[in-house]
Amino acid sequence: GDIVLLAKPVTLTEGDRVTLTTDVPVATDGTSKPEKLLYAVSLPPVHGQIEYINYPGVPISSYSQLDVVAQKVSDVRNNSHGTGKESLR
């Protein structure tokens, strides 16, 4: 089925971290099996990275909906060269 991904902009400054929850991002593929959804980080944050909370400092390129539900993934800002809104893509 069609995949729908809604991502809210997240405003972070240097040193900030936000744990991804089912509010950001929200995805559905119409199969009623959200536990099988996988996210690919094709455009990482410009001034930070997506990482597993248990492995700080190690950027990841993919994670699952189950990781989001379990609040195991975070968006981290580690560079002072910019602030503002970025959305996950």
PDB file of N, CA and C in Angstrom:
ATOM      1  N   GLY A   1       0.803  -1.181   0.000  1.00  0.00           N
ATOM      2  CA  GLY A   1       0.000   0.000   0.000  1.00  0.00           C
ATOM      3  C   GLY A   1       0.853   1.255   0.000  1.00  0.00           C
ATOM      4  N   ASP A   2       0.195   2.377  -0.024  1.00  0.00           N
ATOM      5  CA  ASP A   2       0.882   3.658   0.030  1.00  0.00           C
ATOM      6  C   ASP A   2       1.486   3.886   1.402  1.00  0.00           C
ATOM      7  N   ILE A   3       2.644   4.495   1.421  1.00  0.00           N
ATOM      8  CA  ILE A   3       3.307   4.830   2.682  1.00  0.00           C
ATOM      9  C   ILE A   3       3.101   6.314   2.934  1.00  0.00           C
ATOM     10  N   VAL A   4       2.655   6.630   4.141  1.00  0.00           N
ATOM     11  CA  VAL A   4       2.450   8.015   4.535  1.00  0.00           C
ATOM     12  C   VAL A   4       3.359   8.299   5.718  1.00  0.00           C
ATOM     13  N   LEU A   5       4.160   9.351   5.611  1.00  0.00           N
ATOM     14  CA  LEU A   5       5.059   9.753   6.689  1.00  0.00           C
ATOM     15  C   LEU A   5       4.814  11.211   7.002  1.00  0.00           C
ATOM     16  N   LEU A   6       4.467  11.479   8.247  1.00  0.00           N
ATOM     17  CA  LEU A   6       4.287  12.846   8.723  1.00  0.00           C
ATOM     18  C   LEU A   6       5.379  13.112   9.731  1.00  0.00           C
ATOM     19  N   ALA A   7       6.147  14.157   9.507  1.00  0.00           N
ATOM     20  CA  ALA A   7       7.235  14.497  10.418  1.00  0.00           C
ATOM     21  C   ALA A   7       7.071  15.943  10.859  1.00  0.00           C
ATOM     22  N   LYS A   8       7.036  16.145  12.154  1.00  0.00           N
ATOM     23  CA  LYS A   8       6.940  17.498  12.692  1.00  0.00           C
ATOM     24  C   LYS A   8       8.329  18.110  12.742  1.00  0.00           C
ATOM     25  N   PRO A   9       8.444  19.405  12.415  1.00  0.00           N
ATOM     26  CA  PRO A   9       9.747  20.068  12.556  1.00  0.00           C
ATOM     27  C   PRO A   9      10.187  20.055  14.021  1.00  0.00           C
ATOM     28  N   VAL A  10      11.462  19.875  14.223  1.00  0.00           N
ATOM     29  CA  VAL A  10      12.033  19.851  15.566  1.00  0.00           C
ATOM     30  C   VAL A  10      13.074  20.955  15.645  1.00  0.00           C
ATOM     31  N   THR A  11      12.953  21.829  16.623  1.00  0.00           N
ATOM     32  CA  THR A  11      13.908  22.915  16.792  1.00  0.00           C
ATOM     33  C   THR A  11      14.895  22.534  17.886  1.00  0.00           C
ATOM     34  N   LEU A  12      16.163  22.444  17.508  1.00  0.00           N
ATOM     35  CA  LEU A  12      17.213  22.082  18.447  1.00  0.00           C
ATOM     36  C   LEU A  12      18.386  23.034  18.274  1.00  0.00           C
ATOM     37  N   THR A  13      19.123  23.246  19.351  1.00  0.00           N
ATOM     38  CA  THR A  13      20.356  24.019  19.278  1.00  0.00           C
ATOM     39  C   THR A  13      21.498  23.107  19.708  1.00  0.00           C
ATOM     40  N   GLU A  14      22.713  23.614  19.621  1.00  0.00           N
ATOM     41  CA  GLU A  14      23.890  22.810  19.938  1.00  0.00           C
ATOM     42  C   GLU A  14      23.735  22.104  21.281  1.00  0.00           C
ATOM     43  N   GLY A  15      24.007  20.819  21.284  1.00  0.00           N
ATOM     44  CA  GLY A  15      23.957  20.015  22.491  1.00  0.00           C
ATOM     45  C   GLY A  15      22.584  19.462  22.837  1.00  0.00           C
ATOM     46  N   ASP A  16      21.543  19.894  22.130  1.00  0.00           N
ATOM     47  CA  ASP A  16      20.201  19.388  22.398  1.00  0.00           C
ATOM     48  C   ASP A  16      20.027  17.987  21.839  1.00  0.00           C
ATOM     49  N   ARG A  17      19.108  17.271  22.450  1.00  0.00           N
ATOM     50  CA  ARG A  17      18.764  15.910  22.030  1.00  0.00           C
ATOM     51  C   ARG A  17      17.263  15.762  22.199  1.00  0.00           C
ATOM     52  N   VAL A  18      16.613  15.169  21.217  1.00  0.00           N
ATOM     53  CA  VAL A  18      15.194  14.859  21.333  1.00  0.00           C
ATOM     54  C   VAL A  18      15.008  13.379  21.023  1.00  0.00           C
ATOM     55  N   THR A  19      14.266  12.710  21.882  1.00  0.00           N
ATOM     56  CA  THR A  19      13.947  11.302  21.656  1.00  0.00           C
ATOM     57  C   THR A  19      12.780  11.230  20.685  1.00  0.00           C
ATOM     58  N   LEU A  20      12.922  10.414  19.661  1.00  0.00           N
ATOM     59  CA  LEU A  20      11.845  10.255  18.695  1.00  0.00           C
ATOM     60  C   LEU A  20      10.741   9.421  19.323  1.00  0.00           C
ATOM     61  N   THR A  21       9.530   9.913  19.209  1.00  0.00           N
ATOM     62  CA  THR A  21       8.362   9.193  19.709  1.00  0.00           C
ATOM     63  C   THR A  21       7.416   8.966  18.542  1.00  0.00           C
ATOM     64  N   THR A  22       6.298   8.360  18.808  1.00  0.00           N
ATOM     65  CA  THR A  22       5.342   8.118  17.727  1.00  0.00           C
ATOM     66  C   THR A  22       4.670   9.404  17.271  1.00  0.00           C
ATOM     67  N   ASP A  23       4.942  10.533  17.938  1.00  0.00           N
ATOM     68  CA  ASP A  23       4.459  11.835  17.448  1.00  0.00           C
ATOM     69  C   ASP A  23       5.364  12.373  16.344  1.00  0.00           C
ATOM     70  N   VAL A  24       6.663  12.063  16.403  1.00  0.00           N
ATOM     71  CA  VAL A  24       7.645  12.556  15.430  1.00  0.00           C
ATOM     72  C   VAL A  24       8.610  11.416  15.144  1.00  0.00           C
ATOM     73  N   PRO A  25       8.605  10.759  14.078  1.00  0.00           N
ATOM     74  CA  PRO A  25       7.672  10.823  12.968  1.00  0.00           C
ATOM     75  C   PRO A  25       6.489   9.882  13.170  1.00  0.00           C
ATOM     76  N   VAL A  26       5.456  10.073  12.375  1.00  0.00           N
ATOM     77  CA  VAL A  26       4.300   9.187  12.352  1.00  0.00           C
ATOM     78  C   VAL A  26       4.259   8.577  10.961  1.00  0.00           C
ATOM     79  N   ALA A  27       4.237   7.258  10.892  1.00  0.00           N
ATOM     80  CA  ALA A  27       4.221   6.597   9.581  1.00  0.00           C
ATOM     81  C   ALA A  27       3.172   5.499   9.565  1.00  0.00           C
ATOM     82  N   THR A  28       2.640   5.271   8.397  1.00  0.00           N
ATOM     83  CA  THR A  28       1.713   4.167   8.193  1.00  0.00           C
ATOM     84  C   THR A  28       1.863   3.681   6.752  1.00  0.00           C
ATOM     85  N   ASP A  29       1.653   2.396   6.547  1.00  0.00           N
ATOM     86  CA  ASP A  29       1.733   1.876   5.180  1.00  0.00           C
ATOM     87  C   ASP A  29       0.441   1.181   4.764  1.00  0.00           C
ATOM     88  N   GLY A  30      -0.594   1.293   5.583  1.00  0.00           N
ATOM     89  CA  GLY A  30      -1.885   0.732   5.224  1.00  0.00           C
ATOM     90  C   GLY A  30      -2.025  -0.754   5.454  1.00  0.00           C
ATOM     91  N   THR A  31      -1.022  -1.401   6.033  1.00  0.00           N
ATOM     92  CA  THR A  31      -1.092  -2.853   6.238  1.00  0.00           C
ATOM     93  C   THR A  31      -1.534  -3.246   7.637  1.00  0.00           C
ATOM     94  N   SER A  32      -1.692  -2.295   8.523  1.00  0.00           N
ATOM     95  CA  SER A  32      -2.034  -2.555   9.927  1.00  0.00           C
ATOM     96  C   SER A  32      -0.920  -3.299  10.651  1.00  0.00           C
ATOM     97  N   LYS A  33       0.316  -3.218  10.139  1.00  0.00           N
ATOM     98  CA  LYS A  33       1.464  -3.857  10.777  1.00  0.00           C
ATOM     99  C   LYS A  33       2.586  -2.843  10.961  1.00  0.00           C
ATOM    100  N   PRO A  34       2.358  -1.829  11.807  1.00  0.00           N
ATOM    101  CA  PRO A  34       3.380  -0.790  11.970  1.00  0.00           C
ATOM    102  C   PRO A  34       4.695  -1.320  12.524  1.00  0.00           C
ATOM    103  N   GLU A  35       4.673  -2.451  13.201  1.00  0.00           N
ATOM    104  CA  GLU A  35       5.905  -3.013  13.755  1.00  0.00           C
ATOM    105  C   GLU A  35       6.886  -3.440  12.677  1.00  0.00           C
ATOM    106  N   LYS A  36       6.438  -3.548  11.450  1.00  0.00           N
ATOM    107  CA  LYS A  36       7.319  -3.958  10.358  1.00  0.00           C
ATOM    108  C   LYS A  36       7.874  -2.781   9.564  1.00  0.00           C
ATOM    109  N   LEU A  37       7.488  -1.559   9.927  1.00  0.00           N
ATOM    110  CA  LEU A  37       7.983  -0.382   9.215  1.00  0.00           C
ATOM    111  C   LEU A  37       9.446  -0.115   9.564  1.00  0.00           C
ATOM    112  N   LEU A  38      10.224   0.185   8.541  1.00  0.00           N
ATOM    113  CA  LEU A  38      11.626   0.551   8.715  1.00  0.00           C
ATOM    114  C   LEU A  38      11.835   1.951   8.143  1.00  0.00           C
ATOM    115  N   TYR A  39      12.615   2.757   8.844  1.00  0.00           N
ATOM    116  CA  TYR A  39      12.954   4.100   8.399  1.00  0.00           C
ATOM    117  C   TYR A  39      14.390   4.092   7.886  1.00  0.00           C
ATOM    118  N   ALA A  40      14.626   4.803   6.797  1.00  0.00           N
ATOM    119  CA  ALA A  40      15.979   5.002   6.282  1.00  0.00           C
ATOM    120  C   ALA A  40      16.291   6.483   6.398  1.00  0.00           C
ATOM    121  N   VAL A  41      17.435   6.808   6.959  1.00  0.00           N
ATOM    122  CA  VAL A  41      17.857   8.199   7.103  1.00  0.00           C
ATOM    123  C   VAL A  41      18.615   8.567   5.829  1.00  0.00           C
ATOM    124  N   SER A  42      17.881   9.047   4.839  1.00  0.00           N
ATOM    125  CA  SER A  42      18.513   9.374   3.561  1.00  0.00           C
ATOM    126  C   SER A  42      19.109  10.780   3.567  1.00  0.00           C
ATOM    127  N   LEU A  43      18.553  11.672   4.367  1.00  0.00           N
ATOM    128  CA  LEU A  43      19.082  13.031   4.531  1.00  0.00           C
ATOM    129  C   LEU A  43      19.249  13.287   6.029  1.00  0.00           C
ATOM    130  N   PRO A  44      20.414  12.994   6.575  1.00  0.00           N
ATOM    131  CA  PRO A  44      20.602  13.192   8.020  1.00  0.00           C
ATOM    132  C   PRO A  44      20.527  14.674   8.373  1.00  0.00           C
ATOM    133  N   PRO A  45      20.282  14.989   9.637  1.00  0.00           N
ATOM    134  CA  PRO A  45      20.266  16.394  10.048  1.00  0.00           C
ATOM    135  C   PRO A  45      21.573  17.080   9.659  1.00  0.00           C
ATOM    136  N   VAL A  46      21.486  18.316   9.226  1.00  0.00           N
ATOM    137  CA  VAL A  46      22.649  19.059   8.765  1.00  0.00           C
ATOM    138  C   VAL A  46      23.653  19.279   9.901  1.00  0.00           C
ATOM    139  N   HIS A  47      23.161  19.550  11.085  1.00  0.00           N
ATOM    140  CA  HIS A  47      24.025  19.899  12.214  1.00  0.00           C
ATOM    141  C   HIS A  47      23.911  18.888  13.347  1.00  0.00           C
ATOM    142  N   GLY A  48      23.871  17.618  13.027  1.00  0.00           N
ATOM    143  CA  GLY A  48      23.755  16.593  14.062  1.00  0.00           C
ATOM    144  C   GLY A  48      23.612  15.229  13.446  1.00  0.00           C
ATOM    145  N   GLN A  49      22.936  14.354  14.170  1.00  0.00           N
ATOM    146  CA  GLN A  49      22.777  12.994  13.687  1.00  0.00           C
ATOM    147  C   GLN A  49      21.616  12.312  14.382  1.00  0.00           C
ATOM    148  N   ILE A  50      21.167  11.221  13.768  1.00  0.00           N
ATOM    149  CA  ILE A  50      20.191  10.327  14.375  1.00  0.00           C
ATOM    150  C   ILE A  50      21.007   9.178  14.957  1.00  0.00           C
ATOM    151  N   GLU A  51      20.699   8.807  16.201  1.00  0.00           N
ATOM    152  CA  GLU A  51      21.466   7.743  16.852  1.00  0.00           C
ATOM    153  C   GLU A  51      20.594   6.981  17.830  1.00  0.00           C
ATOM    154  N   TYR A  52      21.032   5.760  18.172  1.00  0.00           N
ATOM    155  CA  TYR A  52      20.364   4.997  19.221  1.00  0.00           C
ATOM    156  C   TYR A  52      20.787   5.575  20.563  1.00  0.00           C
ATOM    157  N   ILE A  53      19.844   5.719  21.465  1.00  0.00           N
ATOM    158  CA  ILE A  53      20.117   6.289  22.780  1.00  0.00           C
ATOM    159  C   ILE A  53      21.194   5.494  23.515  1.00  0.00           C
ATOM    160  N   ASN A  54      21.190   4.175  23.368  1.00  0.00           N
ATOM    161  CA  ASN A  54      22.177   3.329  24.058  1.00  0.00           C
ATOM    162  C   ASN A  54      23.562   3.380  23.433  1.00  0.00           C
ATOM    163  N   TYR A  55      23.698   4.015  22.268  1.00  0.00           N
ATOM    164  CA  TYR A  55      24.989   4.122  21.583  1.00  0.00           C
ATOM    165  C   TYR A  55      25.248   5.574  21.190  1.00  0.00           C
ATOM    166  N   PRO A  56      25.395   6.457  22.175  1.00  0.00           N
ATOM    167  CA  PRO A  56      25.578   7.874  21.862  1.00  0.00           C
ATOM    168  C   PRO A  56      26.836   8.117  21.033  1.00  0.00           C
ATOM    169  N   GLY A  57      26.720   9.045  20.093  1.00  0.00           N
ATOM    170  CA  GLY A  57      27.855   9.406  19.253  1.00  0.00           C
ATOM    171  C   GLY A  57      28.004   8.571  18.001  1.00  0.00           C
ATOM    172  N   VAL A  58      27.190   7.526  17.863  1.00  0.00           N
ATOM    173  CA  VAL A  58      27.276   6.649  16.688  1.00  0.00           C
ATOM    174  C   VAL A  58      26.056   6.912  15.797  1.00  0.00           C
ATOM    175  N   PRO A  59      26.248   7.565  14.652  1.00  0.00           N
ATOM    176  CA  PRO A  59      25.114   7.835  13.772  1.00  0.00           C
ATOM    177  C   PRO A  59      24.565   6.551  13.158  1.00  0.00           C
ATOM    178  N   ILE A  60      23.262   6.541  12.929  1.00  0.00           N
ATOM    179  CA  ILE A  60      22.632   5.375  12.304  1.00  0.00           C
ATOM    180  C   ILE A  60      21.994   5.797  10.987  1.00  0.00           C
ATOM    181  N   SER A  61      21.824   4.850  10.101  1.00  0.00           N
ATOM    182  CA  SER A  61      21.228   5.141   8.807  1.00  0.00           C
ATOM    183  C   SER A  61      19.843   4.528   8.663  1.00  0.00           C
ATOM    184  N   SER A  62      19.426   3.727   9.651  1.00  0.00           N
ATOM    185  CA  SER A  62      18.074   3.160   9.623  1.00  0.00           C
ATOM    186  C   SER A  62      17.665   2.753  11.034  1.00  0.00           C
ATOM    187  N   TYR A  63      16.350   2.668  11.219  1.00  0.00           N
ATOM    188  CA  TYR A  63      15.786   2.215  12.487  1.00  0.00           C
ATOM    189  C   TYR A  63      14.355   1.772  12.216  1.00  0.00           C
ATOM    190  N   SER A  64      13.742   1.089  13.171  1.00  0.00           N
ATOM    191  CA  SER A  64      12.410   0.540  12.952  1.00  0.00           C
ATOM    192  C   SER A  64      11.348   1.304  13.739  1.00  0.00           C
ATOM    193  N   GLN A  65      10.094   1.060  13.370  1.00  0.00           N
ATOM    194  CA  GLN A  65       8.974   1.634  14.111  1.00  0.00           C
ATOM    195  C   GLN A  65       8.993   1.131  15.553  1.00  0.00           C
ATOM    196  N   LEU A  66       9.401  -0.109  15.754  1.00  0.00           N
ATOM    197  CA  LEU A  66       9.496  -0.640  17.119  1.00  0.00           C
ATOM    198  C   LEU A  66      10.527   0.132  17.931  1.00  0.00           C
ATOM    199  N   ASP A  67      11.617   0.559  17.301  1.00  0.00           N
ATOM    200  CA  ASP A  67      12.614   1.394  17.986  1.00  0.00           C
ATOM    201  C   ASP A  67      11.992   2.720  18.424  1.00  0.00           C
ATOM    202  N   VAL A  68      11.153   3.300  17.565  1.00  0.00           N
ATOM    203  CA  VAL A  68      10.492   4.559  17.895  1.00  0.00           C
ATOM    204  C   VAL A  68       9.509   4.356  19.049  1.00  0.00           C
ATOM    205  N   VAL A  69       8.704   3.304  18.964  1.00  0.00           N
ATOM    206  CA  VAL A  69       7.734   3.021  20.022  1.00  0.00           C
ATOM    207  C   VAL A  69       8.438   2.811  21.361  1.00  0.00           C
ATOM    208  N   ALA A  70       9.588   2.139  21.332  1.00  0.00           N
ATOM    209  CA  ALA A  70      10.358   1.872  22.555  1.00  0.00           C
ATOM    210  C   ALA A  70      11.208   3.072  22.979  1.00  0.00           C
ATOM    211  N   GLN A  71      11.154   4.164  22.215  1.00  0.00           N
ATOM    212  CA  GLN A  71      11.916   5.390  22.473  1.00  0.00           C
ATOM    213  C   GLN A  71      13.411   5.107  22.607  1.00  0.00           C
ATOM    214  N   LYS A  72      13.943   4.407  21.589  1.00  0.00           N
ATOM    215  CA  LYS A  72      15.360   4.048  21.546  1.00  0.00           C
ATOM    216  C   LYS A  72      16.180   4.920  20.600  1.00  0.00           C
ATOM    217  N   VAL A  73      15.525   5.860  19.888  1.00  0.00           N
ATOM    218  CA  VAL A  73      16.199   6.637  18.852  1.00  0.00           C
ATOM    219  C   VAL A  73      16.119   8.124  19.204  1.00  0.00           C
ATOM    220  N   SER A  74      17.223   8.838  18.976  1.00  0.00           N
ATOM    221  CA  SER A  74      17.201  10.277  19.247  1.00  0.00           C
ATOM    222  C   SER A  74      17.838  11.057  18.101  1.00  0.00           C
ATOM    223  N   ASP A  75      17.452  12.322  18.029  1.00  0.00           N
ATOM    224  CA  ASP A  75      18.011  13.297  17.098  1.00  0.00           C
ATOM    225  C   ASP A  75      18.883  14.200  17.955  1.00  0.00           C
ATOM    226  N   VAL A  76      20.170  14.298  17.622  1.00  0.00           N
ATOM    227  CA  VAL A  76      21.132  15.027  18.436  1.00  0.00           C
ATOM    228  C   VAL A  76      21.759  16.138  17.620  1.00  0.00           C
ATOM    229  N   ARG A  77      21.880  17.340  18.207  1.00  0.00           N
ATOM    230  CA  ARG A  77      22.584  18.452  17.575  1.00  0.00           C
ATOM    231  C   ARG A  77      23.949  18.551  18.219  1.00  0.00           C
ATOM    232  N   ASN A  78      24.988  18.465  17.393  1.00  0.00           N
ATOM    233  CA  ASN A  78      26.350  18.468  17.923  1.00  0.00           C
ATOM    234  C   ASN A  78      27.231  19.509  17.248  1.00  0.00           C
ATOM    235  N   ASN A  79      26.623  20.531  16.671  1.00  0.00           N
ATOM    236  CA  ASN A  79      27.397  21.523  15.943  1.00  0.00           C
ATOM    237  C   ASN A  79      26.768  22.886  16.148  1.00  0.00           C
ATOM    238  N   SER A  80      27.554  23.878  16.451  1.00  0.00           N
ATOM    239  CA  SER A  80      27.033  25.213  16.728  1.00  0.00           C
ATOM    240  C   SER A  80      26.864  26.076  15.485  1.00  0.00           C
ATOM    241  N   HIS A  81      27.074  25.538  14.295  1.00  0.00           N
ATOM    242  CA  HIS A  81      27.017  26.356  13.077  1.00  0.00           C
ATOM    243  C   HIS A  81      25.610  26.628  12.577  1.00  0.00           C
ATOM    244  N   GLY A  82      24.628  26.225  13.309  1.00  0.00           N
ATOM    245  CA  GLY A  82      23.283  26.524  12.849  1.00  0.00           C
ATOM    246  C   GLY A  82      22.235  26.067  13.826  1.00  0.00           C
ATOM    247  N   THR A  83      21.146  26.756  13.818  1.00  0.00           N
ATOM    248  CA  THR A  83      19.989  26.372  14.618  1.00  0.00           C
ATOM    249  C   THR A  83      18.793  26.490  13.702  1.00  0.00           C
ATOM    250  N   GLY A  84      17.673  26.116  14.191  1.00  0.00           N
ATOM    251  CA  GLY A  84      16.462  26.251  13.400  1.00  0.00           C
ATOM    252  C   GLY A  84      15.761  24.931  13.226  1.00  0.00           C
ATOM    253  N   LYS A  85      14.722  24.966  12.418  1.00  0.00           N
ATOM    254  CA  LYS A  85      13.891  23.802  12.251  1.00  0.00           C
ATOM    255  C   LYS A  85      14.425  22.916  11.152  1.00  0.00           C
ATOM    256  N   GLU A  86      14.490  21.641  11.446  1.00  0.00           N
ATOM    257  CA  GLU A  86      14.782  20.626  10.446  1.00  0.00           C
ATOM    258  C   GLU A  86      13.768  19.528  10.654  1.00  0.00           C
ATOM    259  N   SER A  87      13.339  18.891   9.599  1.00  0.00           N
ATOM    260  CA  SER A  87      12.421  17.783   9.753  1.00  0.00           C
ATOM    261  C   SER A  87      13.073  16.512   9.237  1.00  0.00           C
ATOM    262  N   LEU A  88      12.674  15.407   9.824  1.00  0.00           N
ATOM    263  CA  LEU A  88      13.191  14.113   9.388  1.00  0.00           C
ATOM    264  C   LEU A  88      12.624  13.791   8.023  1.00  0.00           C
ATOM    265  N   ARG A  89      13.455  13.224   7.155  1.00  0.00           N
ATOM    266  CA  ARG A  89      13.001  12.883   5.810  1.00  0.00           C
ATOM    267  C   ARG A  89      13.352  11.459   5.515  1.00  0.00           C
TER     268      ARG A  89
END
